[in-house]
PDB file of all heavy atoms in Angstrom:
ATOM      1  N   GLN A   1      18.129   3.470 -55.057  1.00  0.00           N
ATOM      2  CA  GLN A   1      18.073   2.385 -56.054  1.00  0.00           C
ATOM      3  C   GLN A   1      19.080   2.583 -57.143  1.00  0.00           C
ATOM      4  O   GLN A   1      19.710   1.643 -57.637  1.00  0.00           O
ATOM      5  CB  GLN A   1      16.597   2.265 -56.540  1.00  0.00           C
ATOM      6  CG  GLN A   1      15.643   1.781 -55.536  1.00  0.00           C
ATOM      7  CD  GLN A   1      14.198   1.772 -56.037  1.00  0.00           C
ATOM      8  OE1 GLN A   1      13.837   2.811 -56.614  1.00  0.00           O
ATOM      9  NE2 GLN A   1      13.412   0.853 -55.702  1.00  0.00           N
ATOM     10  N   ILE A   2      19.206   3.827 -57.582  1.00  0.00           N
ATOM     11  CA  ILE A   2      20.122   4.134 -58.677  1.00  0.00           C
ATOM     12  C   ILE A   2      21.548   3.889 -58.217  1.00  0.00           C
ATOM     13  O   ILE A   2      22.387   3.309 -58.967  1.00  0.00           O
ATOM     14  CB  ILE A   2      19.911   5.578 -59.156  1.00  0.00           C
ATOM     15  CG1 ILE A   2      18.493   5.779 -59.653  1.00  0.00           C
ATOM     16  CG2 ILE A   2      20.986   5.920 -60.182  1.00  0.00           C
ATOM     17  CD1 ILE A   2      18.195   7.247 -60.008  1.00  0.00           C
ATOM     18  N   GLU A   3      21.874   4.218 -57.005  1.00  0.00           N
ATOM     19  CA  GLU A   3      23.207   4.001 -56.418  1.00  0.00           C
ATOM     20  C   GLU A   3      23.489   2.568 -56.343  1.00  0.00           C
ATOM     21  O   GLU A   3      24.665   2.084 -56.582  1.00  0.00           O
ATOM     22  CB  GLU A   3      23.342   4.710 -55.090  1.00  0.00           C
ATOM     23  CG  GLU A   3      23.423   6.319 -55.165  1.00  0.00           C
ATOM     24  CD  GLU A   3      23.421   6.920 -53.834  1.00  0.00           C
ATOM     25  OE1 GLU A   3      22.896   6.295 -52.837  1.00  0.00           O
ATOM     26  OE2 GLU A   3      23.839   8.075 -53.727  1.00  0.00           O
ATOM     27  N   ALA A   4      22.445   1.729 -56.044  1.00  0.00           N
ATOM     28  CA  ALA A   4      22.648   0.310 -55.953  1.00  0.00           C
ATOM     29  C   ALA A   4      22.987  -0.229 -57.362  1.00  0.00           C
ATOM     30  O   ALA A   4      23.781  -1.189 -57.547  1.00  0.00           O
ATOM     31  CB  ALA A   4      21.445  -0.389 -55.428  1.00  0.00           C
ATOM     32  N   ASP A   5      22.348   0.380 -58.402  1.00  0.00           N
ATOM     33  CA  ASP A   5      22.592  -0.071 -59.821  1.00  0.00           C
ATOM     34  C   ASP A   5      24.009   0.120 -60.185  1.00  0.00           C
ATOM     35  O   ASP A   5      24.547  -0.535 -61.095  1.00  0.00           O
ATOM     36  CB  ASP A   5      21.640   0.620 -60.748  1.00  0.00           C
ATOM     37  CG  ASP A   5      20.263  -0.010 -60.720  1.00  0.00           C
ATOM     38  OD1 ASP A   5      20.114  -1.103 -60.210  1.00  0.00           O
ATOM     39  OD2 ASP A   5      19.300   0.681 -61.338  1.00  0.00           O
ATOM     40  N   ARG A   6      24.744   1.049 -59.565  1.00  0.00           N
ATOM     41  CA  ARG A   6      26.137   1.309 -59.851  1.00  0.00           C
ATOM     42  C   ARG A   6      26.988   0.095 -59.559  1.00  0.00           C
ATOM     43  O   ARG A   6      28.104  -0.013 -60.055  1.00  0.00           O
ATOM     44  CB  ARG A   6      26.674   2.575 -59.195  1.00  0.00           C
ATOM     45  CG  ARG A   6      26.077   3.829 -59.752  1.00  0.00           C
ATOM     46  CD  ARG A   6      26.993   5.007 -59.326  1.00  0.00           C
ATOM     47  NE  ARG A   6      28.314   4.973 -59.986  1.00  0.00           N
ATOM     48  CZ  ARG A   6      29.134   5.977 -59.823  1.00  0.00           C
ATOM     49  NH1 ARG A   6      28.910   7.048 -59.092  1.00  0.00           N
ATOM     50  NH2 ARG A   6      30.424   5.872 -60.334  1.00  0.00           N
ATOM     51  N   GLN A   7      26.457  -0.766 -58.692  1.00  0.00           N
ATOM     52  CA  GLN A   7      27.249  -1.926 -58.358  1.00  0.00           C
ATOM     53  C   GLN A   7      26.912  -3.114 -59.171  1.00  0.00           C
ATOM     54  O   GLN A   7      27.424  -4.256 -58.942  1.00  0.00           O
ATOM     55  CB  GLN A   7      26.996  -2.240 -56.845  1.00  0.00           C
ATOM     56  CG  GLN A   7      27.123  -1.039 -55.892  1.00  0.00           C
ATOM     57  CD  GLN A   7      28.497  -0.325 -56.000  1.00  0.00           C
ATOM     58  OE1 GLN A   7      29.477  -1.007 -56.095  1.00  0.00           O
ATOM     59  NE2 GLN A   7      28.458   0.978 -56.085  1.00  0.00           N
ATOM     60  N   SER A   8      26.049  -2.925 -60.179  1.00  0.00           N
ATOM     61  CA  SER A   8      25.627  -4.098 -61.009  1.00  0.00           C
ATOM     62  C   SER A   8      26.774  -4.694 -61.789  1.00  0.00           C
ATOM     63  O   SER A   8      27.823  -3.994 -62.111  1.00  0.00           O
ATOM     64  CB  SER A   8      24.542  -3.588 -61.967  1.00  0.00           C
ATOM     65  OG  SER A   8      24.232  -4.633 -62.914  1.00  0.00           O
ATOM     66  N   THR A   9      26.671  -5.933 -62.152  1.00  0.00           N
ATOM     67  CA  THR A   9      27.698  -6.535 -63.050  1.00  0.00           C
ATOM     68  C   THR A   9      27.410  -6.309 -64.523  1.00  0.00           C
ATOM     69  O   THR A   9      28.154  -6.658 -65.356  1.00  0.00           O
ATOM     70  CB  THR A   9      27.714  -8.065 -62.778  1.00  0.00           C
ATOM     71  OG1 THR A   9      26.340  -8.654 -63.060  1.00  0.00           O
ATOM     72  CG2 THR A   9      28.111  -8.459 -61.406  1.00  0.00           C
ATOM     73  N   ASN A  10      26.198  -5.652 -64.744  1.00  0.00           N
ATOM     74  CA  ASN A  10      25.831  -5.250 -66.161  1.00  0.00           C
ATOM     75  C   ASN A  10      26.369  -3.882 -66.445  1.00  0.00           C
ATOM     76  O   ASN A  10      25.978  -2.882 -65.776  1.00  0.00           O
ATOM     77  CB  ASN A  10      24.355  -5.317 -66.341  1.00  0.00           C
ATOM     78  CG  ASN A  10      23.868  -5.028 -67.798  1.00  0.00           C
ATOM     79  OD1 ASN A  10      24.314  -4.111 -68.442  1.00  0.00           O
ATOM     80  ND2 ASN A  10      22.910  -5.835 -68.198  1.00  0.00           N
ATOM     81  N   ARG A  11      27.260  -3.776 -67.395  1.00  0.00           N
ATOM     82  CA  ARG A  11      27.972  -2.472 -67.698  1.00  0.00           C
ATOM     83  C   ARG A  11      26.974  -1.391 -68.150  1.00  0.00           C
ATOM     84  O   ARG A  11      27.173  -0.254 -67.971  1.00  0.00           O
ATOM     85  CB  ARG A  11      29.097  -2.585 -68.573  1.00  0.00           C
ATOM     86  CG  ARG A  11      28.748  -3.056 -69.966  1.00  0.00           C
ATOM     87  CD  ARG A  11      30.059  -3.429 -70.807  1.00  0.00           C
ATOM     88  NE  ARG A  11      29.874  -3.850 -72.096  1.00  0.00           N
ATOM     89  CZ  ARG A  11      29.923  -3.098 -73.185  1.00  0.00           C
ATOM     90  NH1 ARG A  11      30.174  -1.794 -73.061  1.00  0.00           N
ATOM     91  NH2 ARG A  11      29.673  -3.566 -74.407  1.00  0.00           N
ATOM     92  N   TYR A  12      25.852  -1.870 -68.793  1.00  0.00           N
ATOM     93  CA  TYR A  12      24.877  -0.928 -69.248  1.00  0.00           C
ATOM     94  C   TYR A  12      24.101  -0.363 -68.115  1.00  0.00           C
ATOM     95  O   TYR A  12      23.694   0.843 -68.170  1.00  0.00           O
ATOM     96  CB  TYR A  12      24.016  -1.554 -70.365  1.00  0.00           C
ATOM     97  CG  TYR A  12      24.769  -1.988 -71.585  1.00  0.00           C
ATOM     98  CD1 TYR A  12      25.004  -3.383 -71.747  1.00  0.00           C
ATOM     99  CD2 TYR A  12      25.175  -1.163 -72.537  1.00  0.00           C
ATOM    100  CE1 TYR A  12      25.752  -3.874 -72.834  1.00  0.00           C
ATOM    101  CE2 TYR A  12      25.914  -1.584 -73.590  1.00  0.00           C
ATOM    102  CZ  TYR A  12      26.157  -2.952 -73.775  1.00  0.00           C
ATOM    103  OH  TYR A  12      26.908  -3.376 -74.887  1.00  0.00           O
ATOM    104  N   THR A  13      23.745  -1.177 -67.192  1.00  0.00           N
ATOM    105  CA  THR A  13      23.039  -0.749 -66.031  1.00  0.00           C
ATOM    106  C   THR A  13      23.869   0.217 -65.289  1.00  0.00           C
ATOM    107  O   THR A  13      23.471   1.280 -64.750  1.00  0.00           O
ATOM    108  CB  THR A  13      22.658  -1.909 -65.116  1.00  0.00           C
ATOM    109  OG1 THR A  13      21.783  -2.780 -65.811  1.00  0.00           O
ATOM    110  CG2 THR A  13      22.001  -1.489 -63.849  1.00  0.00           C
ATOM    111  N   VAL A  14      25.211  -0.063 -65.109  1.00  0.00           N
ATOM    112  CA  VAL A  14      26.135   0.863 -64.512  1.00  0.00           C
ATOM    113  C   VAL A  14      26.191   2.172 -65.208  1.00  0.00           C
ATOM    114  O   VAL A  14      26.190   3.305 -64.593  1.00  0.00           O
ATOM    115  CB  VAL A  14      27.441   0.221 -64.384  1.00  0.00           C
ATOM    116  CG1 VAL A  14      28.517   1.242 -63.829  1.00  0.00           C
ATOM    117  CG2 VAL A  14      27.458  -1.010 -63.467  1.00  0.00           C
ATOM    118  N   ALA A  15      26.282   2.125 -66.556  1.00  0.00           N
ATOM    119  CA  ALA A  15      26.301   3.451 -67.288  1.00  0.00           C
ATOM    120  C   ALA A  15      25.112   4.223 -67.117  1.00  0.00           C
ATOM    121  O   ALA A  15      25.241   5.510 -67.020  1.00  0.00           O
ATOM    122  CB  ALA A  15      26.612   3.040 -68.768  1.00  0.00           C
ATOM    123  N   ARG A  16      23.938   3.630 -67.158  1.00  0.00           N
ATOM    124  CA  ARG A  16      22.709   4.371 -66.935  1.00  0.00           C
ATOM    125  C   ARG A  16      22.672   5.010 -65.490  1.00  0.00           C
ATOM    126  O   ARG A  16      22.322   6.152 -65.351  1.00  0.00           O
ATOM    127  CB  ARG A  16      21.480   3.514 -67.178  1.00  0.00           C
ATOM    128  CG  ARG A  16      20.155   4.211 -66.956  1.00  0.00           C
ATOM    129  CD  ARG A  16      18.953   3.448 -67.152  1.00  0.00           C
ATOM    130  NE  ARG A  16      18.768   2.334 -66.219  1.00  0.00           N
ATOM    131  CZ  ARG A  16      17.680   1.635 -66.189  1.00  0.00           C
ATOM    132  NH1 ARG A  16      16.687   1.805 -67.001  1.00  0.00           N
ATOM    133  NH2 ARG A  16      17.554   0.652 -65.291  1.00  0.00           N
ATOM    134  N   ALA A  17      23.052   4.185 -64.563  1.00  0.00           N
ATOM    135  CA  ALA A  17      23.076   4.660 -63.181  1.00  0.00           C
ATOM    136  C   ALA A  17      23.970   5.897 -62.988  1.00  0.00           C
ATOM    137  O   ALA A  17      23.582   6.913 -62.377  1.00  0.00           O
ATOM    138  CB  ALA A  17      23.486   3.612 -62.231  1.00  0.00           C
ATOM    139  N   LYS A  18      25.119   5.831 -63.645  1.00  0.00           N
ATOM    140  CA  LYS A  18      26.081   6.974 -63.591  1.00  0.00           C
ATOM    141  C   LYS A  18      25.499   8.206 -64.245  1.00  0.00           C
ATOM    142  O   LYS A  18      25.588   9.295 -63.688  1.00  0.00           O
ATOM    143  CB  LYS A  18      27.384   6.581 -64.187  1.00  0.00           C
ATOM    144  CG  LYS A  18      28.489   7.698 -64.235  1.00  0.00           C
ATOM    145  CD  LYS A  18      29.709   7.232 -64.906  1.00  0.00           C
ATOM    146  CE  LYS A  18      30.782   8.319 -64.883  1.00  0.00           C
ATOM    147  NZ  LYS A  18      32.045   7.931 -65.565  1.00  0.00           N
ATOM    148  N   MET A  19      24.865   8.007 -65.356  1.00  0.00           N
ATOM    149  CA  MET A  19      24.268   9.170 -66.085  1.00  0.00           C
ATOM    150  C   MET A  19      23.086   9.790 -65.244  1.00  0.00           C
ATOM    151  O   MET A  19      23.006  11.004 -65.072  1.00  0.00           O
ATOM    152  CB  MET A  19      23.744   8.708 -67.407  1.00  0.00           C
ATOM    153  CG  MET A  19      23.012   9.804 -68.206  1.00  0.00           C
ATOM    154  SD  MET A  19      22.121   9.139 -69.669  1.00  0.00           S
ATOM    155  CE  MET A  19      20.758   8.331 -68.820  1.00  0.00           C
ATOM    156  N   LEU A  20      22.241   8.945 -64.671  1.00  0.00           N
ATOM    157  CA  LEU A  20      21.087   9.454 -63.851  1.00  0.00           C
ATOM    158  C   LEU A  20      21.560  10.137 -62.544  1.00  0.00           C
ATOM    159  O   LEU A  20      21.115  11.175 -62.198  1.00  0.00           O
ATOM    160  CB  LEU A  20      20.142   8.260 -63.539  1.00  0.00           C
ATOM    161  CG  LEU A  20      19.466   7.647 -64.671  1.00  0.00           C
ATOM    162  CD1 LEU A  20      18.582   6.497 -64.171  1.00  0.00           C
ATOM    163  CD2 LEU A  20      18.617   8.590 -65.487  1.00  0.00           C
ATOM    164  N   LEU A  21      22.615   9.609 -61.951  1.00  0.00           N
ATOM    165  CA  LEU A  21      23.189  10.312 -60.739  1.00  0.00           C
ATOM    166  C   LEU A  21      23.775  11.578 -61.110  1.00  0.00           C
ATOM    167  O   LEU A  21      23.671  12.552 -60.284  1.00  0.00           O
ATOM    168  CB  LEU A  21      24.259   9.362 -60.061  1.00  0.00           C
ATOM    169  CG  LEU A  21      23.643   8.108 -59.397  1.00  0.00           C
ATOM    170  CD1 LEU A  21      24.709   7.157 -58.935  1.00  0.00           C
ATOM    171  CD2 LEU A  21      22.810   8.494 -58.228  1.00  0.00           C
ATOM    172  N   GLU A  22      24.507  11.691 -62.222  1.00  0.00           N
ATOM    173  CA  GLU A  22      25.005  12.946 -62.691  1.00  0.00           C
ATOM    174  C   GLU A  22      23.926  13.956 -62.931  1.00  0.00           C
ATOM    175  O   GLU A  22      24.051  15.207 -62.593  1.00  0.00           O
ATOM    176  CB  GLU A  22      25.889  12.783 -63.840  1.00  0.00           C
ATOM    177  CG  GLU A  22      27.235  12.011 -63.679  1.00  0.00           C
ATOM    178  CD  GLU A  22      28.006  11.739 -64.947  1.00  0.00           C
ATOM    179  OE1 GLU A  22      27.359  11.944 -66.033  1.00  0.00           O
ATOM    180  OE2 GLU A  22      29.153  11.337 -64.830  1.00  0.00           O
ATOM    181  N   GLN A  23      22.827  13.535 -63.456  1.00  0.00           N
ATOM    182  CA  GLN A  23      21.667  14.336 -63.670  1.00  0.00           C
ATOM    183  C   GLN A  23      21.135  14.915 -62.363  1.00  0.00           C
ATOM    184  O   GLN A  23      20.832  16.091 -62.217  1.00  0.00           O
ATOM    185  CB  GLN A  23      20.536  13.614 -64.463  1.00  0.00           C
ATOM    186  CG  GLN A  23      19.324  14.510 -64.725  1.00  0.00           C
ATOM    187  CD  GLN A  23      18.257  13.681 -65.438  1.00  0.00           C
ATOM    188  OE1 GLN A  23      18.484  12.755 -66.271  1.00  0.00           O
ATOM    189  NE2 GLN A  23      17.001  13.984 -65.155  1.00  0.00           N
ATOM    190  N   LEU A  24      20.937  14.007 -61.393  1.00  0.00           N
ATOM    191  CA  LEU A  24      20.482  14.403 -60.106  1.00  0.00           C
ATOM    192  C   LEU A  24      21.404  15.415 -59.389  1.00  0.00           C
ATOM    193  O   LEU A  24      20.978  16.408 -58.784  1.00  0.00           O
ATOM    194  CB  LEU A  24      20.179  13.185 -59.197  1.00  0.00           C
ATOM    195  CG  LEU A  24      19.071  12.282 -59.656  1.00  0.00           C
ATOM    196  CD1 LEU A  24      18.988  11.013 -58.819  1.00  0.00           C
ATOM    197  CD2 LEU A  24      17.719  13.013 -59.547  1.00  0.00           C
ATOM    198  N   ALA A  25      22.699  15.155 -59.524  1.00  0.00           N
ATOM    199  CA  ALA A  25      23.733  15.946 -58.923  1.00  0.00           C
ATOM    200  C   ALA A  25      23.683  17.419 -59.516  1.00  0.00           C
ATOM    201  O   ALA A  25      24.045  18.357 -58.826  1.00  0.00           O
ATOM    202  CB  ALA A  25      25.062  15.324 -59.037  1.00  0.00           C
ATOM    203  N   SER A  26      23.291  17.483 -60.707  1.00  0.00           N
ATOM    204  CA  SER A  26      23.186  18.849 -61.444  1.00  0.00           C
ATOM    205  C   SER A  26      21.979  19.573 -61.006  1.00  0.00           C
ATOM    206  O   SER A  26      21.774  20.692 -61.413  1.00  0.00           O
ATOM    207  CB  SER A  26      23.227  18.664 -62.908  1.00  0.00           C
ATOM    208  OG  SER A  26      22.052  18.106 -63.374  1.00  0.00           O
ATOM    209  N   GLY A  27      21.127  18.966 -60.189  1.00  0.00           N
ATOM    210  CA  GLY A  27      19.852  19.669 -59.757  1.00  0.00           C
ATOM    211  C   GLY A  27      18.715  19.399 -60.671  1.00  0.00           C
ATOM    212  O   GLY A  27      17.638  20.004 -60.416  1.00  0.00           O
ATOM    213  N   LYS A  28      18.810  18.531 -61.603  1.00  0.00           N
ATOM    214  CA  LYS A  28      17.693  18.245 -62.525  1.00  0.00           C
ATOM    215  C   LYS A  28      17.051  16.962 -62.108  1.00  0.00           C
ATOM    216  O   LYS A  28      17.603  15.880 -62.221  1.00  0.00           O
ATOM    217  CB  LYS A  28      18.190  18.130 -63.955  1.00  0.00           C
ATOM    218  CG  LYS A  28      17.064  17.972 -64.977  1.00  0.00           C
ATOM    219  CD  LYS A  28      17.657  17.987 -66.422  1.00  0.00           C
ATOM    220  CE  LYS A  28      16.504  17.829 -67.397  1.00  0.00           C
ATOM    221  NZ  LYS A  28      17.079  17.700 -68.780  1.00  0.00           N
ATOM    222  N   PRO A  29      15.812  16.976 -61.645  1.00  0.00           N
ATOM    223  CA  PRO A  29      15.104  15.749 -61.201  1.00  0.00           C
ATOM    224  C   PRO A  29      14.761  14.792 -62.421  1.00  0.00           C
ATOM    225  O   PRO A  29      14.690  15.282 -63.534  1.00  0.00           O
ATOM    226  CB  PRO A  29      13.833  16.270 -60.527  1.00  0.00           C
ATOM    227  CG  PRO A  29      13.561  17.592 -61.197  1.00  0.00           C
ATOM    228  CD  PRO A  29      14.917  18.155 -61.485  1.00  0.00           C
ATOM    229  N   LEU A  30      14.552  13.618 -62.076  1.00  0.00           N
ATOM    230  CA  LEU A  30      14.126  12.661 -63.155  1.00  0.00           C
ATOM    231  C   LEU A  30      12.634  12.992 -63.566  1.00  0.00           C
ATOM    232  O   LEU A  30      11.762  13.268 -62.751  1.00  0.00           O
ATOM    233  CB  LEU A  30      14.146  11.256 -62.630  1.00  0.00           C
ATOM    234  CG  LEU A  30      15.517  10.697 -62.053  1.00  0.00           C
ATOM    235  CD1 LEU A  30      15.389   9.263 -61.624  1.00  0.00           C
ATOM    236  CD2 LEU A  30      16.595  10.840 -63.129  1.00  0.00           C
ATOM    237  N   SER A  31      12.442  12.967 -64.859  1.00  0.00           N
ATOM    238  CA  SER A  31      11.121  13.324 -65.406  1.00  0.00           C
ATOM    239  C   SER A  31      10.200  12.111 -65.345  1.00  0.00           C
ATOM    240  O   SER A  31      10.641  10.981 -65.771  1.00  0.00           O
ATOM    241  CB  SER A  31      11.204  13.817 -66.822  1.00  0.00           C
ATOM    242  OG  SER A  31       9.925  14.054 -67.334  1.00  0.00           O
ATOM    243  N   PRO A  32       8.952  12.254 -64.915  1.00  0.00           N
ATOM    244  CA  PRO A  32       8.037  11.104 -64.881  1.00  0.00           C
ATOM    245  C   PRO A  32       7.409  10.858 -66.230  1.00  0.00           C
ATOM    246  O   PRO A  32       6.645   9.863 -66.386  1.00  0.00           O
ATOM    247  CB  PRO A  32       6.932  11.577 -63.895  1.00  0.00           C
ATOM    248  CG  PRO A  32       6.938  13.032 -64.051  1.00  0.00           C
ATOM    249  CD  PRO A  32       8.321  13.500 -64.288  1.00  0.00           C
ATOM    250  N   THR A  33       7.728  11.682 -67.283  1.00  0.00           N
ATOM    251  CA  THR A  33       7.065  11.562 -68.611  1.00  0.00           C
ATOM    252  C   THR A  33       8.213  11.806 -69.673  1.00  0.00           C
ATOM    253  O   THR A  33       9.230  12.271 -69.342  1.00  0.00           O
ATOM    254  CB  THR A  33       5.942  12.517 -68.813  1.00  0.00           C
ATOM    255  OG1 THR A  33       6.433  13.850 -68.832  1.00  0.00           O
ATOM    256  CG2 THR A  33       4.804  12.330 -67.821  1.00  0.00           C
ATOM    257  N   TYR A  34       7.786  11.360 -70.871  1.00  0.00           N
ATOM    258  CA  TYR A  34       8.661  11.704 -71.940  1.00  0.00           C
ATOM    259  C   TYR A  34       7.897  12.329 -73.109  1.00  0.00           C
ATOM    260  O   TYR A  34       6.815  11.895 -73.381  1.00  0.00           O
ATOM    261  CB  TYR A  34       9.378  10.402 -72.571  1.00  0.00           C
ATOM    262  CG  TYR A  34      10.476  10.610 -73.622  1.00  0.00           C
ATOM    263  CD1 TYR A  34      11.803  10.833 -73.204  1.00  0.00           C
ATOM    264  CD2 TYR A  34      10.165  10.807 -74.913  1.00  0.00           C
ATOM    265  CE1 TYR A  34      12.743  10.999 -74.181  1.00  0.00           C
ATOM    266  CE2 TYR A  34      11.111  11.106 -75.875  1.00  0.00           C
ATOM    267  CZ  TYR A  34      12.414  11.204 -75.499  1.00  0.00           C
ATOM    268  OH  TYR A  34      13.388  11.526 -76.482  1.00  0.00           O
ATOM    269  N   PRO A  35       8.409  13.376 -73.751  1.00  0.00           N
ATOM    270  CA  PRO A  35       7.741  14.139 -74.834  1.00  0.00           C
ATOM    271  C   PRO A  35       7.639  13.214 -76.041  1.00  0.00           C
ATOM    272  O   PRO A  35       8.643  13.245 -76.843  1.00  0.00           O
ATOM    273  CB  PRO A  35       8.528  15.390 -75.052  1.00  0.00           C
ATOM    274  CG  PRO A  35       9.904  15.075 -74.563  1.00  0.00           C
ATOM    275  CD  PRO A  35       9.788  14.064 -73.499  1.00  0.00           C
ATOM    276  N   TYR A  36       6.590  12.490 -76.237  1.00  0.00           N
ATOM    277  CA  TYR A  36       6.480  11.441 -77.284  1.00  0.00           C
ATOM    278  C   TYR A  36       5.834  12.016 -78.509  1.00  0.00           C
ATOM    279  O   TYR A  36       4.690  12.527 -78.463  1.00  0.00           O
ATOM    280  CB  TYR A  36       5.754  10.267 -76.738  1.00  0.00           C
ATOM    281  CG  TYR A  36       5.568   9.149 -77.709  1.00  0.00           C
ATOM    282  CD1 TYR A  36       6.628   8.209 -77.949  1.00  0.00           C
ATOM    283  CD2 TYR A  36       4.381   9.006 -78.436  1.00  0.00           C
ATOM    284  CE1 TYR A  36       6.476   7.205 -78.895  1.00  0.00           C
ATOM    285  CE2 TYR A  36       4.249   7.998 -79.338  1.00  0.00           C
ATOM    286  CZ  TYR A  36       5.298   7.057 -79.566  1.00  0.00           C
ATOM    287  OH  TYR A  36       5.190   6.055 -80.494  1.00  0.00           O
ATOM    288  N   PRO A  37       6.449  11.865 -79.682  1.00  0.00           N
ATOM    289  CA  PRO A  37       5.922  12.472 -80.917  1.00  0.00           C
ATOM    290  C   PRO A  37       4.855  11.619 -81.611  1.00  0.00           C
ATOM    291  O   PRO A  37       5.085  10.443 -81.832  1.00  0.00           O
ATOM    292  CB  PRO A  37       7.161  12.650 -81.863  1.00  0.00           C
ATOM    293  CG  PRO A  37       8.096  11.493 -81.397  1.00  0.00           C
ATOM    294  CD  PRO A  37       7.820  11.310 -79.915  1.00  0.00           C
ATOM    295  N   VAL A  38       3.726  12.192 -81.892  1.00  0.00           N
ATOM    296  CA  VAL A  38       2.662  11.557 -82.646  1.00  0.00           C
ATOM    297  C   VAL A  38       2.321  12.513 -83.796  1.00  0.00           C
ATOM    298  O   VAL A  38       1.962  13.646 -83.620  1.00  0.00           O
ATOM    299  CB  VAL A  38       1.377  11.296 -81.869  1.00  0.00           C
ATOM    300  CG1 VAL A  38       0.324  10.721 -82.690  1.00  0.00           C
ATOM    301  CG2 VAL A  38       1.716  10.425 -80.622  1.00  0.00           C
ATOM    302  N   GLN A  39       2.390  11.987 -85.031  1.00  0.00           N
ATOM    303  CA  GLN A  39       2.182  12.837 -86.282  1.00  0.00           C
ATOM    304  C   GLN A  39       1.242  12.100 -87.153  1.00  0.00           C
ATOM    305  O   GLN A  39       1.294  10.862 -87.329  1.00  0.00           O
ATOM    306  CB  GLN A  39       3.457  13.094 -86.947  1.00  0.00           C
ATOM    307  CG  GLN A  39       3.416  14.078 -88.085  1.00  0.00           C
ATOM    308  CD  GLN A  39       4.784  14.463 -88.707  1.00  0.00           C
ATOM    309  OE1 GLN A  39       5.688  13.720 -88.527  1.00  0.00           O
ATOM    310  NE2 GLN A  39       4.860  15.645 -89.246  1.00  0.00           N
TER     311      GLN A  39
END
């Protein structure tokens, strides 16, 4: 799905897809959560 996003006409979707694919290629999986701050 991310590779398909690289073919999008939306340059922001393409930029995100490129970033996520580089992350996967480095051996770091996508995180299912985000460390969200509550104070």
